């Protein structure tokens, strides 16, 4: 059965605030059907995008003085890898696994937003239709993080496999944490690095490997019955995400709207199997101060019309659409970030009323 969000609003993780309670309140008020827990990169080094999900990975060194993490591959890592794979198989074995992924839990000092959101949901005592969690994707994490010699750890196949499996466990741990509070959990794998896929910088990164890595993450998300999304805030080969089996394709539909029209067959495949497009049409830049709900609607509809002219089913495109910001708001000033979330909610309401999806 198709997931039909009908222009429901949700968010991308990061916010620029220091006050975690305010961040959670903003998420819950503006994204009432599908709120997120906020990532707060301004709070501490540990809440930076890649570092936030590094906790517990074997041979990882957090260098607070140099504001970086890296993997020490020069040490004998046989024992630490053995311990990791034992924990992984205990949790994830398809036949005998317990499903308990707490070995890769994210601590409160790495993600205050997780625990504050959980506390607020317990206090509210109500069931949400959806709740969205998020994890940095394996390609972004492994290409951004290096070994002790500053070589991207992605190119070390042994460590890359550990990273993929650790991140998959972190997805499941989050899903399980918030499952008691929502009918459905959405888990996004954030892969901004895919915007550089095919460039000279990453010419040795193979398409089939990327598809395989993402598919492993998606499979893990689905083990707990969650909906798997992938977010990329730049231009990329969108068919990669569809070939990996994603349920929700989230892209920057403000600056790169036409990029999706290059892949009408992939869009058809996604929608025909019940998947959705999360249109990141609300800008996470200074443009938020000049764009209106009407201008954003026009931009969105222009791209949809192009896809429809290329054979994409109009009703599926409308019913299987979400609205999000184009990217996280962590680098914005707080006032602009608040406006992004408020305008996302306004645009969602406007489109639902226009197309008869309200109520």
C-alpha atoms as a PDB file:
ATOM      1  CA  UNK A   1       0.000   0.000   0.000  1.00  0.00           C
ATOM      2  CA  UNK A   2       1.326   3.423  -0.933  1.00  0.00           C
ATOM      3  CA  UNK A   3       2.461   5.889   1.693  1.00  0.00           C
ATOM      4  CA  UNK A   4       0.231   8.899   0.947  1.00  0.00           C
ATOM      5  CA  UNK A   5       1.412  11.836   3.072  1.00  0.00           C
ATOM      6  CA  UNK A   6      -0.476  14.364   0.896  1.00  0.00           C
ATOM      7  CA  UNK A   7       1.921  17.279   1.459  1.00  0.00           C
ATOM      8  CA  UNK A   8       2.556  16.483   5.122  1.00  0.00           C
ATOM      9  CA  UNK A   9       5.387  18.570   6.582  1.00  0.00           C
ATOM     10  CA  UNK A  10       8.486  17.205   8.232  1.00  0.00           C
ATOM     11  CA  UNK A  11      12.031  18.464   8.716  1.00  0.00           C
ATOM     12  CA  UNK A  12      15.715  17.921   8.162  1.00  0.00           C
ATOM     13  CA  UNK A  13      17.590  17.473  11.424  1.00  0.00           C
ATOM     14  CA  UNK A  14      19.852  20.388  12.316  1.00  0.00           C
ATOM     15  CA  UNK A  15      18.869  23.622  14.072  1.00  0.00           C
ATOM     16  CA  UNK A  16      21.083  26.546  15.180  1.00  0.00           C
ATOM     17  CA  UNK A  17      19.709  26.899  18.692  1.00  0.00           C
ATOM     18  CA  UNK A  18      21.473  26.457  22.012  1.00  0.00           C
ATOM     19  CA  UNK A  19      18.225  25.938  23.917  1.00  0.00           C
ATOM     20  CA  UNK A  20      17.188  22.335  23.309  1.00  0.00           C
ATOM     21  CA  UNK A  21      13.712  22.844  24.789  1.00  0.00           C
ATOM     22  CA  UNK A  22      13.037  25.657  22.337  1.00  0.00           C
ATOM     23  CA  UNK A  23      14.244  23.525  19.438  1.00  0.00           C
ATOM     24  CA  UNK A  24      11.978  20.635  20.394  1.00  0.00           C
ATOM     25  CA  UNK A  25       9.011  22.983  20.911  1.00  0.00           C
ATOM     26  CA  UNK A  26       9.552  24.462  17.432  1.00  0.00           C
ATOM     27  CA  UNK A  27       9.664  21.004  15.881  1.00  0.00           C
ATOM     28  CA  UNK A  28       6.529  19.847  17.661  1.00  0.00           C
ATOM     29  CA  UNK A  29       4.545  23.006  16.921  1.00  0.00           C
ATOM     30  CA  UNK A  30       5.456  23.412  13.229  1.00  0.00           C
ATOM     31  CA  UNK A  31       5.735  19.744  12.279  1.00  0.00           C
ATOM     32  CA  UNK A  32       2.826  18.508  14.340  1.00  0.00           C
ATOM     33  CA  UNK A  33       2.124  15.336  12.301  1.00  0.00           C
ATOM     34  CA  UNK A  34       5.756  14.319  11.807  1.00  0.00           C
ATOM     35  CA  UNK A  35       8.071  16.153  14.214  1.00  0.00           C
ATOM     36  CA  UNK A  36      11.813  15.527  14.395  1.00  0.00           C
ATOM     37  CA  UNK A  37      14.344  15.454  17.176  1.00  0.00           C
ATOM     38  CA  UNK A  38      16.690  18.416  16.654  1.00  0.00           C
ATOM     39  CA  UNK A  39      20.408  18.101  15.993  1.00  0.00           C
ATOM     40  CA  UNK A  40      22.162  21.060  17.643  1.00  0.00           C
ATOM     41  CA  UNK A  41      25.639  21.514  16.110  1.00  0.00           C
ATOM     42  CA  UNK A  42      26.121  24.863  17.861  1.00  0.00           C
ATOM     43  CA  UNK A  43      25.886  23.203  21.284  1.00  0.00           C
ATOM     44  CA  UNK A  44      29.061  21.129  21.147  1.00  0.00           C
ATOM     45  CA  UNK A  45      31.545  19.332  18.939  1.00  0.00           C
ATOM     46  CA  UNK A  46      29.784  16.062  19.704  1.00  0.00           C
ATOM     47  CA  UNK A  47      26.625  17.291  17.979  1.00  0.00           C
ATOM     48  CA  UNK A  48      28.397  17.899  14.667  1.00  0.00           C
ATOM     49  CA  UNK A  49      26.879  15.891  11.820  1.00  0.00           C
ATOM     50  CA  UNK A  50      29.399  13.069  11.545  1.00  0.00           C
ATOM     51  CA  UNK A  51      30.731  13.069  15.099  1.00  0.00           C
ATOM     52  CA  UNK A  52      27.202  12.763  16.482  1.00  0.00           C
ATOM     53  CA  UNK A  53      26.967   9.206  15.174  1.00  0.00           C
ATOM     54  CA  UNK A  54      30.553   8.108  15.848  1.00  0.00           C
ATOM     55  CA  UNK A  55      30.096   7.055  19.462  1.00  0.00           C
ATOM     56  CA  UNK A  56      30.976   3.440  20.126  1.00  0.00           C
ATOM     57  CA  UNK A  57      32.691   2.705  16.825  1.00  0.00           C
ATOM     58  CA  UNK A  58      35.906   0.678  17.261  1.00  0.00           C
ATOM     59  CA  UNK A  59      39.276   2.446  16.966  1.00  0.00           C
ATOM     60  CA  UNK A  60      37.668   5.881  16.776  1.00  0.00           C
ATOM     61  CA  UNK A  61      39.559   8.799  18.345  1.00  0.00           C
ATOM     62  CA  UNK A  62      37.800  12.020  19.340  1.00  0.00           C
ATOM     63  CA  UNK A  63      40.354  14.838  19.308  1.00  0.00           C
ATOM     64  CA  UNK A  64      38.650  17.683  21.148  1.00  0.00           C
ATOM     65  CA  UNK A  65      41.603  20.049  20.733  1.00  0.00           C
ATOM     66  CA  UNK A  66      41.617  19.746  16.942  1.00  0.00           C
ATOM     67  CA  UNK A  67      37.830  19.468  16.636  1.00  0.00           C
ATOM     68  CA  UNK A  68      37.936  16.213  14.712  1.00  0.00           C
ATOM     69  CA  UNK A  69      37.451  12.494  14.894  1.00  0.00           C
ATOM     70  CA  UNK A  70      39.502   9.890  13.090  1.00  0.00           C
ATOM     71  CA  UNK A  71      40.017   6.144  13.032  1.00  0.00           C
ATOM     72  CA  UNK A  72      43.331   4.800  14.259  1.00  0.00           C
ATOM     73  CA  UNK A  73      43.997   1.988  11.806  1.00  0.00           C
ATOM     74  CA  UNK A  74      47.607   1.562  12.950  1.00  0.00           C
ATOM     75  CA  UNK A  75      46.617  -0.304  16.110  1.00  0.00           C
ATOM     76  CA  UNK A  76      45.763  -3.996  16.323  1.00  0.00           C
ATOM     77  CA  UNK A  77      42.021  -3.806  15.867  1.00  0.00           C
ATOM     78  CA  UNK A  78      41.243  -7.522  15.676  1.00  0.00           C
ATOM     79  CA  UNK A  79      39.848  -7.692  19.216  1.00  0.00           C
ATOM     80  CA  UNK A  80      37.749  -4.515  18.982  1.00  0.00           C
ATOM     81  CA  UNK A  81      36.380  -5.582  15.599  1.00  0.00           C
ATOM     82  CA  UNK A  82      35.580  -9.013  17.009  1.00  0.00           C
ATOM     83  CA  UNK A  83      33.632  -7.431  19.870  1.00  0.00           C
ATOM     84  CA  UNK A  84      31.776  -5.156  17.462  1.00  0.00           C
ATOM     85  CA  UNK A  85      30.740  -7.945  15.108  1.00  0.00           C
ATOM     86  CA  UNK A  86      29.621 -10.080  18.040  1.00  0.00           C
ATOM     87  CA  UNK A  87      27.356  -7.253  19.231  1.00  0.00           C
ATOM     88  CA  UNK A  88      26.155  -6.685  15.679  1.00  0.00           C
ATOM     89  CA  UNK A  89      25.227 -10.327  15.084  1.00  0.00           C
ATOM     90  CA  UNK A  90      23.563 -10.616  18.483  1.00  0.00           C
ATOM     91  CA  UNK A  91      21.292  -7.719  17.530  1.00  0.00           C
ATOM     92  CA  UNK A  92      20.958  -8.017  13.763  1.00  0.00           C
ATOM     93  CA  UNK A  93      21.140 -11.724  12.850  1.00  0.00           C
ATOM     94  CA  UNK A  94      18.080 -12.264  10.610  1.00  0.00           C
ATOM     95  CA  UNK A  95      17.219 -15.587  12.247  1.00  0.00           C
ATOM     96  CA  UNK A  96      18.339 -15.336  15.856  1.00  0.00           C
ATOM     97  CA  UNK A  97      19.027 -11.625  16.439  1.00  0.00           C
ATOM     98  CA  UNK A  98      17.506  -9.969  19.493  1.00  0.00           C
ATOM     99  CA  UNK A  99      16.983  -6.635  17.719  1.00  0.00           C
ATOM    100  CA  UNK A 100      18.540  -4.877  20.712  1.00  0.00           C
ATOM    101  CA  UNK A 101      20.832  -2.247  19.162  1.00  0.00           C
ATOM    102  CA  UNK A 102      21.706  -0.459  22.398  1.00  0.00           C
ATOM    103  CA  UNK A 103      25.388  -1.307  21.831  1.00  0.00           C
ATOM    104  CA  UNK A 104      25.292   1.577  19.341  1.00  0.00           C
ATOM    105  CA  UNK A 105      23.108   3.896  21.417  1.00  0.00           C
ATOM    106  CA  UNK A 106      23.585   7.645  21.027  1.00  0.00           C
ATOM    107  CA  UNK A 107      24.390   9.227  24.375  1.00  0.00           C
ATOM    108  CA  UNK A 108      22.772  12.358  25.740  1.00  0.00           C
ATOM    109  CA  UNK A 109      25.970  14.387  25.372  1.00  0.00           C
ATOM    110  CA  UNK A 110      25.949  13.534  21.641  1.00  0.00           C
ATOM    111  CA  UNK A 111      22.257  14.271  20.995  1.00  0.00           C
ATOM    112  CA  UNK A 112      20.399  16.269  23.617  1.00  0.00           C
ATOM    113  CA  UNK A 113      17.472  16.570  21.225  1.00  0.00           C
ATOM    114  CA  UNK A 114      16.731  12.844  21.320  1.00  0.00           C
ATOM    115  CA  UNK A 115      16.277  12.766  25.076  1.00  0.00           C
ATOM    116  CA  UNK A 116      14.414  16.076  25.338  1.00  0.00           C
ATOM    117  CA  UNK A 117      11.990  15.003  22.605  1.00  0.00           C
ATOM    118  CA  UNK A 118      11.472  11.660  24.341  1.00  0.00           C
ATOM    119  CA  UNK A 119      10.770  13.397  27.657  1.00  0.00           C
ATOM    120  CA  UNK A 120       8.251  15.734  26.057  1.00  0.00           C
ATOM    121  CA  UNK A 121       6.471  12.870  24.299  1.00  0.00           C
ATOM    122  CA  UNK A 122       6.204  10.978  27.583  1.00  0.00           C
ATOM    123  CA  UNK A 123       4.788  14.073  29.241  1.00  0.00           C
ATOM    124  CA  UNK A 124       2.255  14.663  26.447  1.00  0.00           C
ATOM    125  CA  UNK A 125       1.052  11.084  26.644  1.00  0.00           C
ATOM    126  CA  UNK A 126      -0.370  11.029  23.131  1.00  0.00           C
ATOM    127  CA  UNK A 127       0.312   9.002  20.013  1.00  0.00           C
ATOM    128  CA  UNK A 128       1.620  10.868  16.977  1.00  0.00           C
ATOM    129  CA  UNK A 129       0.844   9.807  13.398  1.00  0.00           C
ATOM    130  CA  UNK A 130       4.565   9.978  12.546  1.00  0.00           C
ATOM    131  CA  UNK A 131       7.903  10.773  14.131  1.00  0.00           C
ATOM    132  CA  UNK A 132      11.083  11.300  12.124  1.00  0.00           C
ATOM    133  CA  UNK A 133      14.595  10.284  13.166  1.00  0.00           C
ATOM    134  CA  UNK A 134      17.821  10.636  11.180  1.00  0.00           C
ATOM    135  CA  UNK A 135      21.339   9.277  10.840  1.00  0.00           C
ATOM    136  CA  UNK A 136      24.296  10.445   8.780  1.00  0.00           C
ATOM    137  CA  UNK A 137      24.636   8.105   5.816  1.00  0.00           C
ATOM    138  CA  UNK A 138      27.564   5.727   5.393  1.00  0.00           C
ATOM    139  CA  UNK A 139      28.970   7.423   2.290  1.00  0.00           C
ATOM    140  CA  UNK A 140      28.956  10.881   3.869  1.00  0.00           C
ATOM    141  CA  UNK A 141      30.321   9.614   7.180  1.00  0.00           C
ATOM    142  CA  UNK A 142      33.081   7.483   5.657  1.00  0.00           C
ATOM    143  CA  UNK A 143      34.170  10.042   3.053  1.00  0.00           C
ATOM    144  CA  UNK A 144      34.216  12.892   5.578  1.00  0.00           C
ATOM    145  CA  UNK A 145      36.010  10.927   8.308  1.00  0.00           C
ATOM    146  CA  UNK A 146      39.648   9.927   7.913  1.00  0.00           C
ATOM    147  CA  UNK A 147      42.230   7.566   9.327  1.00  0.00           C
ATOM    148  CA  UNK A 148      45.265   8.719  11.296  1.00  0.00           C
ATOM    149  CA  UNK A 149      46.971   9.713   8.002  1.00  0.00           C
ATOM    150  CA  UNK A 150      44.009  11.870   6.929  1.00  0.00           C
ATOM    151  CA  UNK A 151      42.922   9.468   4.210  1.00  0.00           C
ATOM    152  CA  UNK A 152      39.162   9.047   3.904  1.00  0.00           C
ATOM    153  CA  UNK A 153      38.214   5.925   5.834  1.00  0.00           C
ATOM    154  CA  UNK A 154      35.800   5.016   3.033  1.00  0.00           C
ATOM    155  CA  UNK A 155      38.721   3.553   1.104  1.00  0.00           C
ATOM    156  CA  UNK A 156      39.504   1.089   3.904  1.00  0.00           C
ATOM    157  CA  UNK A 157      36.992  -1.670   3.181  1.00  0.00           C
ATOM    158  CA  UNK A 158      37.253  -3.293   6.631  1.00  0.00           C
ATOM    159  CA  UNK A 159      36.469  -0.066   8.456  1.00  0.00           C
ATOM    160  CA  UNK A 160      33.844   0.935   5.912  1.00  0.00           C
ATOM    161  CA  UNK A 161      31.899  -2.251   6.612  1.00  0.00           C
ATOM    162  CA  UNK A 162      32.002  -1.584  10.353  1.00  0.00           C
ATOM    163  CA  UNK A 163      30.779   1.982   9.792  1.00  0.00           C
ATOM    164  CA  UNK A 164      27.832   0.872   7.652  1.00  0.00           C
ATOM    165  CA  UNK A 165      26.762  -1.706  10.216  1.00  0.00           C
ATOM    166  CA  UNK A 166      27.250   0.666  13.173  1.00  0.00           C
ATOM    167  CA  UNK A 167      25.125   3.343  11.493  1.00  0.00           C
ATOM    168  CA  UNK A 168      22.466   0.760  10.671  1.00  0.00           C
ATOM    169  CA  UNK A 169      22.312  -0.148  14.367  1.00  0.00           C
ATOM    170  CA  UNK A 170      22.021   3.534  15.296  1.00  0.00           C
ATOM    171  CA  UNK A 171      19.041   3.817  12.958  1.00  0.00           C
ATOM    172  CA  UNK A 172      17.327   0.872  14.618  1.00  0.00           C
ATOM    173  CA  UNK A 173      18.118   2.137  18.121  1.00  0.00           C
ATOM    174  CA  UNK A 174      16.410   5.455  17.339  1.00  0.00           C
ATOM    175  CA  UNK A 175      13.424   3.787  15.709  1.00  0.00           C
ATOM    176  CA  UNK A 176      12.921   1.569  18.736  1.00  0.00           C
ATOM    177  CA  UNK A 177      13.264   4.528  21.125  1.00  0.00           C
ATOM    178  CA  UNK A 178      10.473   6.520  19.468  1.00  0.00           C
ATOM    179  CA  UNK A 179       8.226   3.670  18.346  1.00  0.00           C
ATOM    180  CA  UNK A 180       6.096   3.817  21.526  1.00  0.00           C
ATOM    181  CA  UNK A 181       5.093   7.392  20.709  1.00  0.00           C
ATOM    182  CA  UNK A 182       4.061   7.211  17.037  1.00  0.00           C
ATOM    183  CA  UNK A 183       2.047   5.013  14.712  1.00  0.00           C
ATOM    184  CA  UNK A 184       4.841   5.244  12.144  1.00  0.00           C
ATOM    185  CA  UNK A 185       8.542   6.094  12.325  1.00  0.00           C
ATOM    186  CA  UNK A 186      10.342   7.724   9.409  1.00  0.00           C
ATOM    187  CA  UNK A 187      14.123   7.316   9.394  1.00  0.00           C
ATOM    188  CA  UNK A 188      16.177   9.467   7.044  1.00  0.00           C
ATOM    189  CA  UNK A 189      19.707   8.581   6.041  1.00  0.00           C
ATOM    190  CA  UNK A 190      21.387  11.929   5.337  1.00  0.00           C
ATOM    191  CA  UNK A 191      23.798  11.762   2.392  1.00  0.00           C
ATOM    192  CA  UNK A 192      24.871  15.292   1.379  1.00  0.00           C
ATOM    193  CA  UNK A 193      28.138  13.894  -0.003  1.00  0.00           C
ATOM    194  CA  UNK A 194      26.182  12.350  -2.879  1.00  0.00           C
ATOM    195  CA  UNK A 195      26.021  15.826  -4.402  1.00  0.00           C
ATOM    196  CA  UNK A 196      29.677  15.262  -5.310  1.00  0.00           C
ATOM    197  CA  UNK A 197      29.140  11.759  -6.687  1.00  0.00           C
ATOM    198  CA  UNK A 198      30.791  11.404 -10.078  1.00  0.00           C
ATOM    199  CA  UNK A 199      33.099  14.369  -9.553  1.00  0.00           C
ATOM    200  CA  UNK A 200      36.862  14.076  -9.919  1.00  0.00           C
ATOM    201  CA  UNK A 201      37.190  14.140  -6.134  1.00  0.00           C
ATOM    202  CA  UNK A 202      35.285  10.886  -5.736  1.00  0.00           C
ATOM    203  CA  UNK A 203      35.878   9.285  -9.131  1.00  0.00           C
ATOM    204  CA  UNK A 204      36.881   6.012  -7.465  1.00  0.00           C
ATOM    205  CA  UNK A 205      33.556   5.730  -5.578  1.00  0.00           C
ATOM    206  CA  UNK A 206      31.559   3.165  -7.564  1.00  0.00           C
ATOM    207  CA  UNK A 207      27.844   3.523  -8.199  1.00  0.00           C
ATOM    208  CA  UNK A 208      27.135  -0.130  -7.438  1.00  0.00           C
ATOM    209  CA  UNK A 209      28.903   0.204  -4.076  1.00  0.00           C
ATOM    210  CA  UNK A 210      26.862   3.280  -3.131  1.00  0.00           C
ATOM    211  CA  UNK A 211      23.634   1.468  -4.032  1.00  0.00           C
ATOM    212  CA  UNK A 212      24.716  -1.528  -1.931  1.00  0.00           C
ATOM    213  CA  UNK A 213      25.661   0.616   1.092  1.00  0.00           C
ATOM    214  CA  UNK A 214      22.371   2.513   1.009  1.00  0.00           C
ATOM    215  CA  UNK A 215      20.374  -0.670   0.497  1.00  0.00           C
ATOM    216  CA  UNK A 216      21.924  -2.154   3.644  1.00  0.00           C
ATOM    217  CA  UNK A 217      20.827   0.904   5.632  1.00  0.00           C
ATOM    218  CA  UNK A 218      17.325   0.788   4.156  1.00  0.00           C
ATOM    219  CA  UNK A 219      16.984  -2.901   4.980  1.00  0.00           C
ATOM    220  CA  UNK A 220      17.954  -2.213   8.603  1.00  0.00           C
ATOM    221  CA  UNK A 221      15.396   0.598   8.901  1.00  0.00           C
ATOM    222  CA  UNK A 222      12.644  -1.682   7.647  1.00  0.00           C
ATOM    223  CA  UNK A 223      13.459  -4.435  10.158  1.00  0.00           C
ATOM    224  CA  UNK A 224      11.571  -2.404  12.753  1.00  0.00           C
ATOM    225  CA  UNK A 225       8.763  -1.472  10.374  1.00  0.00           C
ATOM    226  CA  UNK A 226       9.957   2.076   9.770  1.00  0.00           C
ATOM    227  CA  UNK A 227       9.811   4.094   6.550  1.00  0.00           C
ATOM    228  CA  UNK A 228      13.234   4.645   4.999  1.00  0.00           C
ATOM    229  CA  UNK A 229      14.170   7.996   3.492  1.00  0.00           C
ATOM    230  CA  UNK A 230      17.361   9.392   2.004  1.00  0.00           C
ATOM    231  CA  UNK A 231      18.153  13.111   2.057  1.00  0.00           C
ATOM    232  CA  UNK A 232      20.607  14.822  -0.276  1.00  0.00           C
ATOM    233  CA  UNK A 233      20.670  18.605  -0.290  1.00  0.00           C
ATOM    234  CA  UNK A 234      22.438  18.990  -3.642  1.00  0.00           C
ATOM    235  CA  UNK A 235      22.200  17.600  -7.137  1.00  0.00           C
ATOM    236  CA  UNK A 236      22.965  13.925  -7.649  1.00  0.00           C
ATOM    237  CA  UNK A 237      22.043  10.905  -9.732  1.00  0.00           C
ATOM    238  CA  UNK A 238      18.623  10.404  -8.198  1.00  0.00           C
ATOM    239  CA  UNK A 239      18.181   6.946  -9.701  1.00  0.00           C
ATOM    240  CA  UNK A 240      20.830   5.715  -7.221  1.00  0.00           C
ATOM    241  CA  UNK A 241      18.409   6.289  -4.345  1.00  0.00           C
ATOM    242  CA  UNK A 242      15.570   4.578  -6.168  1.00  0.00           C
ATOM    243  CA  UNK A 243      17.746   1.609  -7.122  1.00  0.00           C
ATOM    244  CA  UNK A 244      18.744   1.272  -3.460  1.00  0.00           C
ATOM    245  CA  UNK A 245      15.061   0.777  -2.618  1.00  0.00           C
ATOM    246  CA  UNK A 246      14.316   3.997  -0.737  1.00  0.00           C
ATOM    247  CA  UNK A 247      10.767   4.774   0.401  1.00  0.00           C
ATOM    248  CA  UNK A 248      11.195   8.568   0.504  1.00  0.00           C
ATOM    249  CA  UNK A 249      13.499  10.572  -1.756  1.00  0.00           C
ATOM    250  CA  UNK A 250      14.226  13.974  -0.164  1.00  0.00           C
ATOM    251  CA  UNK A 251      15.968  16.598  -2.270  1.00  0.00           C
ATOM    252  CA  UNK A 252      16.583  20.341  -2.503  1.00  0.00           C
ATOM    253  CA  UNK A 253      13.650  21.358  -4.682  1.00  0.00           C
ATOM    254  CA  UNK A 254      14.439  25.039  -4.266  1.00  0.00           C
ATOM    255  CA  UNK A 255      17.904  25.278  -5.848  1.00  0.00           C
ATOM    256  CA  UNK A 256      17.910  21.983  -7.792  1.00  0.00           C
ATOM    257  CA  UNK A 257      14.267  21.511  -8.741  1.00  0.00           C
ATOM    258  CA  UNK A 258      14.874  20.558 -12.356  1.00  0.00           C
ATOM    259  CA  UNK A 259      17.435  17.889 -11.427  1.00  0.00           C
ATOM    260  CA  UNK A 260      14.648  15.447 -10.614  1.00  0.00           C
ATOM    261  CA  UNK A 261      13.107  15.891 -14.080  1.00  0.00           C
ATOM    262  CA  UNK A 262      16.151  14.215 -15.645  1.00  0.00           C
ATOM    263  CA  UNK A 263      15.026  10.943 -14.034  1.00  0.00           C
ATOM    264  CA  UNK A 264      11.319  10.506 -14.890  1.00  0.00           C
ATOM    265  CA  UNK A 265      11.595   6.715 -15.115  1.00  0.00           C
ATOM    266  CA  UNK A 266      13.150   6.510 -11.649  1.00  0.00           C
ATOM    267  CA  UNK A 267      10.390   8.779 -10.295  1.00  0.00           C
ATOM    268  CA  UNK A 268       7.757   6.535 -11.888  1.00  0.00           C
ATOM    269  CA  UNK A 269       9.369   3.463 -10.353  1.00  0.00           C
ATOM    270  CA  UNK A 270       9.469   5.089  -6.925  1.00  0.00           C
ATOM    271  CA  UNK A 271       5.825   6.169  -7.001  1.00  0.00           C
ATOM    272  CA  UNK A 272       4.529   2.942  -8.540  1.00  0.00           C
ATOM    273  CA  UNK A 273       6.004   0.899  -5.705  1.00  0.00           C
ATOM    274  CA  UNK A 274       4.368   3.215  -3.148  1.00  0.00           C
ATOM    275  CA  UNK A 275       7.291   5.523  -2.411  1.00  0.00           C
ATOM    276  CA  UNK A 276       7.226   9.277  -1.946  1.00  0.00           C
ATOM    277  CA  UNK A 277       9.117  12.416  -2.830  1.00  0.00           C
ATOM    278  CA  UNK A 278       9.887  14.842  -0.004  1.00  0.00           C
ATOM    279  CA  UNK A 279      10.107  18.189  -1.750  1.00  0.00           C
ATOM    280  CA  UNK A 280      12.692  20.368  -0.005  1.00  0.00           C
ATOM    281  CA  UNK A 281      11.251  23.467  -1.578  1.00  0.00           C
ATOM    282  CA  UNK A 282      11.480  25.730   1.489  1.00  0.00           C
ATOM    283  CA  UNK A 283      14.893  27.441   1.222  1.00  0.00           C
ATOM    284  CA  UNK A 284      17.390  27.217   4.064  1.00  0.00           C
ATOM    285  CA  UNK A 285      19.134  30.428   3.073  1.00  0.00           C
ATOM    286  CA  UNK A 286      18.446  34.155   3.221  1.00  0.00           C
ATOM    287  CA  UNK A 287      15.894  33.557   0.467  1.00  0.00           C
ATOM    288  CA  UNK A 288      13.488  32.468   3.194  1.00  0.00           C
ATOM    289  CA  UNK A 289      12.918  36.160   3.899  1.00  0.00           C
ATOM    290  CA  UNK A 290      11.688  36.960   0.380  1.00  0.00           C
ATOM    291  CA  UNK A 291       9.930  33.791  -0.747  1.00  0.00           C
ATOM    292  CA  UNK A 292       6.204  33.453  -0.086  1.00  0.00           C
ATOM    293  CA  UNK A 293       3.927  30.446   0.147  1.00  0.00           C
ATOM    294  CA  UNK A 294       2.585  31.427  -3.269  1.00  0.00           C
ATOM    295  CA  UNK A 295       6.024  31.691  -4.900  1.00  0.00           C
ATOM    296  CA  UNK A 296       7.116  28.376  -3.409  1.00  0.00           C
ATOM    297  CA  UNK A 297       3.916  26.732  -4.614  1.00  0.00           C
ATOM    298  CA  UNK A 298       4.582  28.039  -8.122  1.00  0.00           C
ATOM    299  CA  UNK A 299       8.126  26.645  -8.059  1.00  0.00           C
ATOM    300  CA  UNK A 300       6.912  23.259  -6.839  1.00  0.00           C
ATOM    301  CA  UNK A 301       4.070  23.013  -9.320  1.00  0.00           C
ATOM    302  CA  UNK A 302       6.344  23.984 -12.215  1.00  0.00           C
ATOM    303  CA  UNK A 303       8.593  21.001 -11.506  1.00  0.00           C
ATOM    304  CA  UNK A 304       5.646  18.678 -10.961  1.00  0.00           C
ATOM    305  CA  UNK A 305       4.144  19.781 -14.295  1.00  0.00           C
ATOM    306  CA  UNK A 306       7.409  18.879 -16.056  1.00  0.00           C
ATOM    307  CA  UNK A 307       7.358  15.410 -14.514  1.00  0.00           C
ATOM    308  CA  UNK A 308       3.704  14.952 -15.465  1.00  0.00           C
ATOM    309  CA  UNK A 309       4.533  15.940 -19.059  1.00  0.00           C
ATOM    310  CA  UNK A 310       7.169  13.172 -18.999  1.00  0.00           C
ATOM    311  CA  UNK A 311       4.602  10.544 -18.064  1.00  0.00           C
ATOM    312  CA  UNK A 312       4.604  10.633 -14.245  1.00  0.00           C
ATOM    313  CA  UNK A 313       1.136  10.057 -12.796  1.00  0.00           C
ATOM    314  CA  UNK A 314      -0.276  13.334 -11.511  1.00  0.00           C
ATOM    315  CA  UNK A 315      -2.386  11.956  -8.670  1.00  0.00           C
ATOM    316  CA  UNK A 316       0.443   9.798  -7.346  1.00  0.00           C
ATOM    317  CA  UNK A 317       2.817  12.764  -7.508  1.00  0.00           C
ATOM    318  CA  UNK A 318       0.410  14.855  -5.426  1.00  0.00           C
ATOM    319  CA  UNK A 319      -0.708  12.239  -2.911  1.00  0.00           C
ATOM    320  CA  UNK A 320       2.782  10.807  -2.371  1.00  0.00           C
ATOM    321  CA  UNK A 321       4.423  14.158  -1.615  1.00  0.00           C
ATOM    322  CA  UNK A 322       5.903  15.590   1.575  1.00  0.00           C
ATOM    323  CA  UNK A 323       7.111  19.135   2.211  1.00  0.00           C
ATOM    324  CA  UNK A 324      10.442  19.822   3.942  1.00  0.00           C
ATOM    325  CA  UNK A 325      13.102  22.505   4.168  1.00  0.00           C
ATOM    326  CA  UNK A 326      15.763  22.158   1.481  1.00  0.00           C
ATOM    327  CA  UNK A 327      18.372  21.214   4.080  1.00  0.00           C
ATOM    328  CA  UNK A 328      19.080  21.525   7.787  1.00  0.00           C
ATOM    329  CA  UNK A 329      18.973  24.971   9.373  1.00  0.00           C
ATOM    330  CA  UNK A 330      22.003  24.502  11.647  1.00  0.00           C
ATOM    331  CA  UNK A 331      24.093  27.140   9.875  1.00  0.00           C
ATOM    332  CA  UNK A 332      21.357  29.804   9.743  1.00  0.00           C
ATOM    333  CA  UNK A 333      20.776  32.569  12.224  1.00  0.00           C
ATOM    334  CA  UNK A 334      18.048  31.578  14.706  1.00  0.00           C
ATOM    335  CA  UNK A 335      15.435  33.997  13.341  1.00  0.00           C
ATOM    336  CA  UNK A 336      15.773  32.650   9.811  1.00  0.00           C
ATOM    337  CA  UNK A 337      15.696  29.072  11.088  1.00  0.00           C
ATOM    338  CA  UNK A 338      12.416  29.708  12.889  1.00  0.00           C
ATOM    339  CA  UNK A 339      11.002  31.235   9.723  1.00  0.00           C
ATOM    340  CA  UNK A 340      12.005  28.136   7.749  1.00  0.00           C
ATOM    341  CA  UNK A 341       9.997  25.881  10.047  1.00  0.00           C
ATOM    342  CA  UNK A 342       7.007  28.207  10.165  1.00  0.00           C
ATOM    343  CA  UNK A 343       6.947  28.590   6.384  1.00  0.00           C
ATOM    344  CA  UNK A 344       7.244  24.819   5.932  1.00  0.00           C
ATOM    345  CA  UNK A 345       4.108  24.403   8.042  1.00  0.00           C
ATOM    346  CA  UNK A 346       2.301  27.188   6.166  1.00  0.00           C
ATOM    347  CA  UNK A 347       3.165  25.735   2.772  1.00  0.00           C
ATOM    348  CA  UNK A 348       1.974  22.287   3.836  1.00  0.00           C
ATOM    349  CA  UNK A 349      -1.388  23.690   4.973  1.00  0.00           C
ATOM    350  CA  UNK A 350      -1.773  25.786   1.817  1.00  0.00           C
ATOM    351  CA  UNK A 351      -1.116  22.857  -0.530  1.00  0.00           C
ATOM    352  CA  UNK A 352      -3.393  20.510   1.387  1.00  0.00           C
ATOM    353  CA  UNK A 353      -6.228  23.018   1.154  1.00  0.00           C
ATOM    354  CA  UNK A 354      -5.572  23.705  -2.527  1.00  0.00           C
ATOM    355  CA  UNK A 355      -5.633  20.054  -3.516  1.00  0.00           C
ATOM    356  CA  UNK A 356      -8.431  18.948  -1.207  1.00  0.00           C
ATOM    357  CA  UNK A 357      -6.250  17.005   1.226  1.00  0.00           C
ATOM    358  CA  UNK A 358      -7.150  19.004   4.350  1.00  0.00           C
ATOM    359  CA  UNK A 359      -9.118  17.501   7.179  1.00  0.00           C
END
